Amino acid sequence: MLFMISGGVKAQDHIYSQFFNAPAYLNPALSGEFRGSFRANMIYRNQWSSIAGDLNYMTTSVDYKLPSFGGAVGLMFNSSSEGTAYLKKNNIAGIYSYSVGTDGFTASFGLQAGITNRKLDFSRLVFSDQLDARLGFEGGASAAESPFNDNKYYFDAGTGVNLVFGTAMLGGSLMHINKPDESFTGSRVYTPMRLAVHASYRHALDRADPYDDDGTYLIPSVVYYRQAEAASLSAGVQFKYRGVNAGAWYRSNGKGQSDSFVVSLIFDIFTSGYKNQKVRLGVSHDATANKLNYSNTSGTSELSVGFETGEAHDRGYQGLKCYDFY
């Protein structure tokens, strides 16, 4: 049926509950927006683990600051596997970001471009001529016609902007701006653009200096995604005390209907006398609150690992970076 109606099918990207631990995936303008000189992130998502057909996603990224150029370069790899037919999508993209600012203000702009491979294991699909009314699946070959192309490559690009002013951050990104054709059938099916808008605020509870990592903070955030007719709105707050960060989130489908409740726990392990050199470990769990319900899905879990090291001197201005909000 999917192949027959492929002209009306619209792809939808996955999203991460720990969006703050996948900065390059959220917004290419966040590349280089940290205090060190080198950063690496990895995040893995296993969605609805009780439902047949794996829904697994992983993003790995590295970014390196170029202080003399006022920007950063990065590399990101995305991988996903969905369903019993193992629909796989792999993407590798380069990122460049540029930042300007003054004391207490930073504006960052990012560009992303790469190649995506999308493929399907057609042999794992089951069609009606392989089913028996009494015995069920009997196996054997199907007379269904194979797709025109089950292994597709295409160019993909995105852009983003991020603003940090005082203790507030506001950013937005637009992915698939070239609307690549990802059809297997030969008829054109364009990937709809994915819009993401995010905002965060860092409120110090025990001291006036918002730049002090030893303080205690509340960090409310909101993230909105939209891609074709699919929408998602997440809102929550994190409690941060030194190297420990605990968060709680509520996510809706963008139309006022519940999707899930999320809890997260992040640990920053400082590995040297420089507080910007650290290992970050994060876990989160989504409790499904939509029509699928939690008893049917067992929820969704994420695991993230990050590493940040090195000193970098920005071009004459100081201020909060994106990592300070998480």
Protein backbone atom coordinates (compact mmCIF):
# COMPACT_ATOMS: atom_id res chain seq x y z
CA MET A 1 0.00 0.00 0.00
CA LEU A 2 2.86 2.38 0.78
CA PHE A 3 4.26 1.96 -2.72
CA MET A 4 0.83 2.37 -4.34
CA ILE A 5 0.15 5.69 -2.59
CA SER A 6 3.76 6.89 -2.59
CA GLY A 7 2.80 10.11 -4.34
CA GLY A 8 1.04 11.24 -1.16
CA VAL A 9 3.50 9.92 1.41
CA LYS A 10 5.44 12.54 3.40
CA ALA A 11 8.52 11.58 5.39
CA GLN A 12 8.92 12.72 8.97
CA ASP A 13 12.24 13.09 10.77
CA HIS A 14 12.78 11.69 14.24
CA ILE A 15 13.28 14.07 17.16
CA TYR A 16 15.29 13.64 20.35
CA SER A 17 13.94 14.21 23.84
CA GLN A 18 17.50 15.13 24.88
CA PHE A 19 17.65 17.78 22.17
CA PHE A 20 20.25 19.66 24.23
CA ASN A 21 22.64 16.69 23.89
CA ALA A 22 22.26 16.66 20.09
CA PRO A 23 23.03 20.33 19.36
CA ALA A 24 24.13 19.83 15.73
CA TYR A 25 20.92 17.92 14.95
CA LEU A 26 18.77 20.62 16.53
CA ASN A 27 20.46 23.61 14.90
CA PRO A 28 23.72 23.91 12.90
CA ALA A 29 24.19 27.39 14.40
CA LEU A 30 24.93 25.71 17.77
CA SER A 31 28.18 24.28 16.41
CA GLY A 32 31.09 25.90 18.23
CA GLU A 33 28.82 27.40 20.88
CA PHE A 34 30.63 26.00 23.91
CA ARG A 35 33.54 27.11 26.06
CA GLY A 36 36.21 24.69 24.90
CA SER A 37 37.79 24.14 21.50
CA PHE A 38 36.65 20.58 20.66
CA ARG A 39 33.38 18.77 21.36
CA ALA A 40 31.99 15.34 20.51
CA ASN A 41 28.42 14.11 21.09
CA MET A 42 26.63 10.80 20.58
CA ILE A 43 22.98 10.09 21.27
CA TYR A 44 20.95 6.90 20.75
CA ARG A 45 17.14 6.62 20.82
CA ASN A 46 15.09 3.41 21.03
CA GLN A 47 11.46 4.33 20.41
CA TRP A 48 8.43 2.29 21.55
CA SER A 49 10.48 -0.78 22.45
CA SER A 50 7.43 -3.09 22.88
CA ILE A 51 6.06 -2.50 19.38
CA ALA A 52 7.12 -4.96 16.67
CA GLY A 53 9.56 -3.43 14.21
CA ASP A 54 12.60 -1.62 15.53
CA LEU A 55 12.61 2.18 15.68
CA ASN A 56 16.24 3.03 16.41
CA TYR A 57 18.02 6.35 15.85
CA MET A 58 21.57 7.56 16.45
CA THR A 59 23.38 10.84 15.89
CA THR A 60 27.11 11.43 16.30
CA SER A 61 28.73 14.83 15.85
CA VAL A 62 32.03 16.61 16.37
CA ASP A 63 32.74 20.31 16.16
CA TYR A 64 35.93 22.33 16.45
CA LYS A 65 36.29 26.04 17.12
CA LEU A 66 38.27 28.33 14.83
CA PRO A 67 38.74 31.41 17.07
CA SER A 68 40.79 33.34 14.51
CA PHE A 69 37.88 33.05 12.06
CA GLY A 70 35.14 33.66 14.62
CA GLY A 71 33.43 30.39 13.84
CA ALA A 72 33.56 26.60 13.93
CA VAL A 73 33.46 23.57 11.66
CA GLY A 74 31.67 20.32 12.38
CA LEU A 75 30.79 16.90 11.07
CA MET A 76 27.56 15.01 11.82
CA PHE A 77 26.43 11.44 11.10
CA ASN A 78 22.79 10.36 11.44
CA SER A 79 21.53 6.79 11.24
CA SER A 80 18.02 5.35 11.59
CA SER A 81 16.37 1.94 11.21
CA GLU A 82 12.58 1.72 11.12
CA GLY A 83 10.11 -1.13 10.87
CA THR A 84 10.20 -4.82 10.01
CA ALA A 85 11.37 -3.99 6.47
CA TYR A 86 14.40 -2.23 7.98
CA LEU A 87 13.95 1.10 6.24
CA LYS A 88 17.39 2.58 6.83
CA LYS A 89 18.53 6.15 6.43
CA ASN A 90 22.15 7.28 6.81
CA ASN A 91 23.30 10.86 6.46
CA ILE A 92 26.70 12.52 6.72
CA ALA A 93 26.92 16.30 6.73
CA GLY A 94 29.50 19.03 7.15
CA ILE A 95 28.68 22.12 9.20
CA TYR A 96 30.09 25.63 9.29
CA SER A 97 29.02 28.27 11.81
CA TYR A 98 30.01 31.89 12.34
CA SER A 99 29.51 33.96 15.50
CA VAL A 100 29.56 37.68 16.26
CA GLY A 101 28.84 39.44 19.52
CA THR A 102 29.65 41.74 22.39
CA ASP A 103 29.71 41.25 26.16
CA GLY A 104 26.55 39.35 27.05
CA PHE A 105 25.37 38.89 23.45
CA THR A 106 26.18 36.32 20.77
CA ALA A 107 24.62 35.80 17.34
CA SER A 108 25.52 32.59 15.51
CA PHE A 109 24.70 31.49 11.99
CA GLY A 110 25.12 27.96 10.65
CA LEU A 111 25.07 26.11 7.34
CA GLN A 112 24.83 22.33 6.88
CA ALA A 113 25.21 20.22 3.75
CA GLY A 114 25.63 16.51 3.17
CA ILE A 115 24.62 13.28 1.46
CA THR A 116 21.79 10.95 2.55
CA ASN A 117 21.37 7.28 1.68
CA ARG A 118 17.92 5.70 2.06
CA LYS A 119 17.36 1.98 1.49
CA LEU A 120 14.73 -0.69 2.08
CA ASP A 121 14.93 -4.48 2.49
CA PHE A 122 12.04 -5.34 0.16
CA SER A 123 12.38 -9.08 0.89
CA ARG A 124 11.07 -8.55 4.43
CA LEU A 125 7.71 -7.15 3.33
CA VAL A 126 4.68 -9.49 3.43
CA PHE A 127 1.97 -9.23 0.76
CA SER A 128 -1.54 -10.69 0.54
CA ASP A 129 -0.56 -13.51 -1.86
CA GLN A 130 1.76 -14.87 0.86
CA LEU A 131 -1.11 -15.21 3.38
CA ASP A 132 -3.60 -18.03 3.85
CA ALA A 133 -7.02 -17.40 5.45
CA ARG A 134 -6.59 -20.38 7.80
CA LEU A 135 -2.85 -20.83 8.21
CA GLY A 136 -1.66 -17.22 8.09
CA PHE A 137 1.77 -16.52 6.62
CA GLU A 138 2.90 -19.38 4.38
CA GLY A 139 6.09 -17.82 3.05
CA GLY A 140 7.21 -18.22 -0.52
CA ALA A 141 7.80 -15.54 -3.14
CA SER A 142 5.27 -12.79 -3.81
CA ALA A 143 4.12 -11.62 -7.23
CA ALA A 144 4.34 -8.02 -5.99
CA GLU A 145 6.58 -5.88 -8.16
CA SER A 146 9.85 -4.74 -6.60
CA PRO A 147 10.40 -1.00 -6.25
CA PHE A 148 12.07 0.97 -9.01
CA ASN A 149 14.99 1.74 -6.70
CA ASP A 150 15.48 0.43 -3.14
CA ASN A 151 18.78 2.26 -2.54
CA LYS A 152 18.58 6.04 -2.95
CA TYR A 153 21.25 8.77 -2.57
CA TYR A 154 20.51 12.49 -2.49
CA PHE A 155 21.97 15.85 -1.45
CA ASP A 156 20.49 17.49 1.64
CA ALA A 157 21.07 20.93 3.19
CA GLY A 158 19.96 23.06 6.14
CA THR A 159 20.58 26.32 7.94
CA GLY A 160 20.03 27.92 11.33
CA VAL A 161 20.49 30.95 13.57
CA ASN A 162 20.95 31.23 17.34
CA LEU A 163 20.86 34.30 19.60
CA VAL A 164 22.11 34.52 23.19
CA PHE A 165 21.33 37.73 25.05
CA GLY A 166 22.06 37.91 28.76
CA THR A 167 20.64 34.74 30.29
CA ALA A 168 18.18 33.97 27.48
CA MET A 169 18.63 32.01 24.27
CA LEU A 170 16.47 31.88 21.14
CA GLY A 171 17.20 29.93 17.98
CA GLY A 172 15.68 28.40 14.90
CA SER A 173 16.68 26.01 12.13
CA LEU A 174 15.30 24.87 8.78
CA MET A 175 16.35 21.48 7.43
CA HIS A 176 15.88 19.97 3.93
CA ILE A 177 15.78 23.44 2.41
CA ASN A 178 16.44 21.94 -1.03
CA LYS A 179 13.48 19.51 -0.62
CA PRO A 180 15.33 16.41 -1.89
CA ASP A 181 13.50 13.67 -3.77
CA GLU A 182 13.62 10.48 -1.67
CA SER A 183 11.19 8.28 -3.64
CA PHE A 184 11.88 4.60 -4.31
CA THR A 185 9.27 4.35 -7.07
CA GLY A 186 10.56 6.80 -9.68
CA SER A 187 7.72 9.28 -9.11
CA ARG A 188 8.95 12.35 -7.26
CA VAL A 189 8.36 12.52 -3.50
CA TYR A 190 9.97 15.55 -1.90
CA THR A 191 11.18 15.61 1.69
CA PRO A 192 9.26 18.40 3.46
CA MET A 193 11.32 21.02 5.27
CA ARG A 194 11.68 20.59 9.04
CA LEU A 195 11.35 23.73 11.15
CA ALA A 196 12.67 23.85 14.71
CA VAL A 197 12.33 26.81 17.09
CA HIS A 198 13.87 26.63 20.56
CA ALA A 199 14.12 28.99 23.53
CA SER A 200 15.75 28.66 26.96
CA TYR A 201 16.35 30.82 30.01
CA ARG A 202 18.93 30.34 32.79
CA HIS A 203 17.81 31.55 36.23
CA ALA A 204 20.32 31.53 39.09
CA LEU A 205 18.84 30.43 42.43
CA ASP A 206 21.72 31.09 44.80
CA ARG A 207 24.01 33.74 43.30
CA ALA A 208 23.96 36.72 41.01
CA ASP A 209 26.69 35.51 38.65
CA PRO A 210 25.03 33.51 35.82
CA TYR A 211 28.43 32.44 34.48
CA ASP A 212 29.45 30.48 37.61
CA ASP A 213 29.32 26.71 36.99
CA ASP A 214 29.24 26.04 40.74
CA GLY A 215 25.83 27.64 41.12
CA THR A 216 22.30 26.26 41.26
CA TYR A 217 19.95 27.03 38.38
CA LEU A 218 16.50 26.50 36.98
CA ILE A 219 16.50 26.31 33.18
CA PRO A 220 13.04 26.36 31.52
CA SER A 221 13.02 25.53 27.80
CA VAL A 222 10.58 25.09 24.95
CA VAL A 223 11.12 23.44 21.55
CA TYR A 224 8.70 23.44 18.63
CA TYR A 225 9.05 21.24 15.54
CA ARG A 226 6.99 21.27 12.37
CA GLN A 227 7.39 19.14 9.25
CA ALA A 228 4.56 19.06 6.70
CA GLU A 229 1.43 18.28 8.78
CA ALA A 230 3.36 16.80 11.71
CA ALA A 231 4.08 19.06 14.70
CA SER A 232 5.54 18.66 18.18
CA LEU A 233 5.81 21.05 21.12
CA SER A 234 7.98 20.24 24.16
CA ALA A 235 8.09 22.36 27.30
CA GLY A 236 9.89 21.67 30.56
CA VAL A 237 12.40 22.73 33.14
CA GLN A 238 15.78 21.50 34.29
CA PHE A 239 17.29 21.80 37.75
CA LYS A 240 21.07 22.15 37.50
CA TYR A 241 23.46 21.95 40.44
CA ARG A 242 27.13 21.88 39.49
CA GLY A 243 27.63 18.72 37.45
CA VAL A 244 24.14 17.27 37.95
CA ASN A 245 21.14 18.18 35.83
CA ALA A 246 17.62 16.74 36.26
CA GLY A 247 14.79 17.65 33.91
CA ALA A 248 11.06 17.04 33.38
CA TRP A 249 9.18 17.69 30.14
CA TYR A 250 5.74 17.54 28.62
CA ARG A 251 5.37 17.01 24.89
CA SER A 252 2.23 17.51 22.79
CA ASN A 253 1.60 16.91 19.10
CA GLY A 254 1.30 20.63 18.43
CA LYS A 255 -2.52 20.46 18.39
CA GLY A 256 -3.03 20.36 22.15
CA GLN A 257 -3.08 16.55 22.37
CA SER A 258 -0.69 14.78 24.75
CA ASP A 259 2.21 12.79 23.32
CA SER A 260 4.49 11.93 26.24
CA PHE A 261 6.04 12.90 29.57
CA VAL A 262 9.84 12.91 29.70
CA VAL A 263 12.34 12.75 32.55
CA SER A 264 16.08 13.23 32.04
CA LEU A 265 19.21 12.99 34.17
CA ILE A 266 22.57 14.41 33.08
CA PHE A 267 25.98 14.09 34.75
CA ASP A 268 28.96 16.31 33.88
CA ILE A 269 32.22 14.70 35.01
CA PHE A 270 35.04 17.22 34.99
CA THR A 271 38.29 15.52 34.00
CA SER A 272 40.88 18.22 34.71
CA GLY A 273 41.48 21.52 36.46
CA TYR A 274 39.80 23.26 33.54
CA LYS A 275 36.07 23.12 34.13
CA ASN A 276 35.33 23.20 30.43
CA GLN A 277 37.02 19.80 29.97
CA LYS A 278 34.43 17.22 30.80
CA VAL A 279 32.62 14.00 29.98
CA ARG A 280 28.81 14.21 29.84
CA LEU A 281 26.53 11.23 30.43
CA GLY A 282 22.79 11.51 29.91
CA VAL A 283 19.74 9.26 30.14
CA SER A 284 16.07 10.00 29.55
CA HIS A 285 12.79 8.13 29.29
CA ASP A 286 9.53 9.05 27.57
CA ALA A 287 6.28 7.78 29.06
CA THR A 288 3.86 7.57 26.13
CA ALA A 289 0.66 9.53 26.77
CA ASN A 290 -1.04 9.32 23.37
CA LYS A 291 -3.50 6.74 21.99
CA LEU A 292 -0.77 4.08 21.81
CA ASN A 293 -0.43 4.40 25.64
CA TYR A 294 2.50 3.32 27.78
CA SER A 295 1.39 -0.29 28.37
CA ASN A 296 1.54 -0.99 24.64
CA THR A 297 4.82 0.78 23.89
CA SER A 298 6.92 0.56 27.11
CA GLY A 299 7.93 4.11 26.30
CA THR A 300 11.09 5.42 24.67
CA SER A 301 14.62 5.57 26.09
CA GLU A 302 17.65 7.64 25.13
CA LEU A 303 21.32 7.42 26.06
CA SER A 304 23.84 10.17 25.33
CA VAL A 305 27.59 10.58 25.78
CA GLY A 306 29.56 13.79 25.25
CA PHE A 307 33.12 15.01 25.55
CA GLU A 308 34.41 18.58 25.57
CA THR A 309 37.97 19.74 26.04
CA GLY A 310 40.48 22.51 25.42
CA GLU A 311 40.70 26.22 25.94
CA ALA A 312 39.52 28.65 23.29
CA HIS A 313 39.62 32.45 23.34
CA ASP A 314 36.71 34.16 21.63
CA ARG A 315 37.12 37.34 19.67
CA GLY A 316 36.96 39.92 22.41
CA TYR A 317 33.58 39.10 23.94
CA GLN A 318 32.35 36.90 26.73
CA GLY A 319 28.89 35.54 27.36
CA LEU A 320 26.80 32.47 27.86
CA LYS A 321 27.07 29.76 25.23
CA CYS A 322 24.41 27.25 24.28
CA TYR A 323 25.86 24.60 26.60
CA ASP A 324 25.36 26.90 29.59
CA PHE A 325 21.60 26.48 29.18
CA TYR A 326 21.72 22.71 29.73
